[in-house]
Amino acid sequence: MDHKQTEEEKKALKAKLKQERKDLRAAKKLERQRLLEEQEDPNPLKLKEWLSLRGIRDEIKEVHWMTPGELAHASAIVLAFTFALGVYFYAADAVIALILKALGMN
């Protein structure tokens, strides 16, 4: 009889642990849903706020405006790449023209 009682106790303990795990999973799921709802913005575009003068002023304050040094550096990079690509395409065109001329397809 003692053996039967321990089996029943084991089954009861097992059922209790199973229920606790189930409750824990449900609680974690609810917590994840709550956190997700907090993170989601119900109106992600916020057009009403953004299209107002106040919203425009706030957005302009958040923009990173380049300093004169940063602007000069970025402009120099653009000009250098423009020049390099211009030379590359000119050279490629000249090579193709030479090949076509050598083949008599000019």
Protein backbone atom coordinates (compact mmCIF):
# COMPACT_ATOMS: atom_id res chain seq x y z
CA MET A 1 0.00 0.00 0.00
CA ASP A 2 2.93 2.27 0.75
CA HIS A 3 4.21 1.71 -2.76
CA LYS A 4 0.82 2.62 -4.25
CA GLN A 5 0.70 5.83 -2.25
CA THR A 6 4.08 6.97 -3.52
CA GLU A 7 3.01 6.24 -7.10
CA GLU A 8 -0.08 8.39 -6.57
CA GLU A 9 2.06 11.09 -4.98
CA LYS A 10 4.46 10.95 -7.94
CA LYS A 11 1.56 11.26 -10.38
CA ALA A 12 0.13 14.19 -8.42
CA LEU A 13 3.53 15.90 -8.28
CA LYS A 14 4.06 15.30 -11.99
CA ALA A 15 0.63 16.76 -12.80
CA LYS A 16 1.32 19.74 -10.55
CA LEU A 17 4.68 20.42 -12.24
CA LYS A 18 3.10 20.06 -15.67
CA GLN A 19 0.42 22.59 -14.74
CA GLU A 20 3.04 24.99 -13.35
CA ARG A 21 5.04 24.78 -16.59
CA LYS A 22 1.87 25.39 -18.58
CA ASP A 23 1.01 28.41 -16.43
CA LEU A 24 4.57 29.73 -16.77
CA ARG A 25 4.45 29.42 -20.57
CA ALA A 26 1.10 31.24 -20.64
CA ALA A 27 2.47 34.01 -18.41
CA LYS A 28 5.56 34.39 -20.61
CA LYS A 29 3.37 34.53 -23.71
CA LEU A 30 1.22 37.26 -22.17
CA GLU A 31 4.34 39.19 -21.16
CA ARG A 32 5.73 38.97 -24.72
CA GLN A 33 2.42 40.17 -26.14
CA ARG A 34 2.30 43.06 -23.68
CA LEU A 35 5.87 44.11 -24.54
CA LEU A 36 5.11 43.86 -28.25
CA GLU A 37 2.00 46.02 -27.85
CA GLU A 38 4.04 48.60 -25.93
CA GLN A 39 6.65 48.71 -28.71
CA GLU A 40 4.15 48.96 -31.56
CA ASP A 41 3.11 52.45 -32.45
CA PRO A 42 -0.63 52.57 -33.18
CA ASN A 43 -0.01 55.36 -35.71
CA PRO A 44 3.50 54.78 -37.12
CA LEU A 45 3.29 57.53 -39.72
CA LYS A 46 1.97 60.18 -37.34
CA LEU A 47 0.89 62.22 -40.34
CA LYS A 48 -1.21 64.57 -38.29
CA GLU A 49 1.74 65.47 -36.07
CA TRP A 50 4.30 65.47 -38.87
CA LEU A 51 2.31 67.70 -41.23
CA SER A 52 1.81 70.42 -38.63
CA LEU A 53 4.23 73.33 -38.28
CA ARG A 54 5.25 72.06 -34.87
CA GLY A 55 5.94 68.60 -36.28
CA ILE A 56 8.01 70.06 -39.11
CA ARG A 57 10.04 72.14 -36.66
CA ASP A 58 10.63 69.08 -34.47
CA GLU A 59 11.72 67.03 -37.49
CA ILE A 60 14.13 69.75 -38.65
CA LYS A 61 15.70 69.78 -35.18
CA GLU A 62 16.34 66.01 -35.46
CA VAL A 63 18.08 66.31 -38.86
CA HIS A 64 21.88 66.09 -38.82
CA TRP A 65 23.06 69.18 -40.67
CA MET A 66 26.56 68.89 -42.10
CA THR A 67 29.26 71.22 -40.88
CA PRO A 68 31.18 73.15 -43.56
CA GLY A 69 34.12 70.77 -43.13
CA GLU A 70 31.93 67.67 -43.56
CA LEU A 71 30.28 69.26 -46.60
CA ALA A 72 33.66 70.06 -48.20
CA HIS A 73 34.91 66.52 -47.52
CA ALA A 74 31.78 64.89 -48.98
CA SER A 75 31.90 67.21 -52.01
CA ALA A 76 35.56 66.36 -52.62
CA ILE A 77 34.76 62.64 -52.53
CA VAL A 78 31.91 63.09 -55.03
CA LEU A 79 34.09 65.14 -57.37
CA ALA A 80 36.97 62.63 -57.13
CA PHE A 81 34.72 59.68 -57.95
CA THR A 82 33.06 61.61 -60.79
CA PHE A 83 36.47 62.39 -62.29
CA ALA A 84 37.74 58.80 -61.80
CA LEU A 85 34.66 57.27 -63.41
CA GLY A 86 34.84 59.79 -66.26
CA VAL A 87 38.46 58.78 -66.96
CA TYR A 88 37.52 55.09 -66.71
CA PHE A 89 34.64 55.35 -69.19
CA TYR A 90 36.71 57.50 -71.56
CA ALA A 91 39.52 54.92 -71.49
CA ALA A 92 37.09 52.01 -71.94
CA ASP A 93 35.51 53.78 -74.93
CA ALA A 94 38.94 54.45 -76.45
CA VAL A 95 40.00 50.80 -76.03
CA ILE A 96 36.78 49.54 -77.61
CA ALA A 97 37.24 52.03 -80.50
CA LEU A 98 40.80 50.76 -81.06
CA ILE A 99 39.63 47.14 -81.08
CA LEU A 100 36.84 47.93 -83.55
CA LYS A 101 39.26 49.91 -85.73
CA ALA A 102 41.75 47.02 -85.71
CA LEU A 103 38.98 44.63 -86.76
CA GLY A 104 37.94 47.01 -89.55
CA MET A 105 34.50 47.62 -88.11
CA ASN A 106 34.91 51.34 -87.80
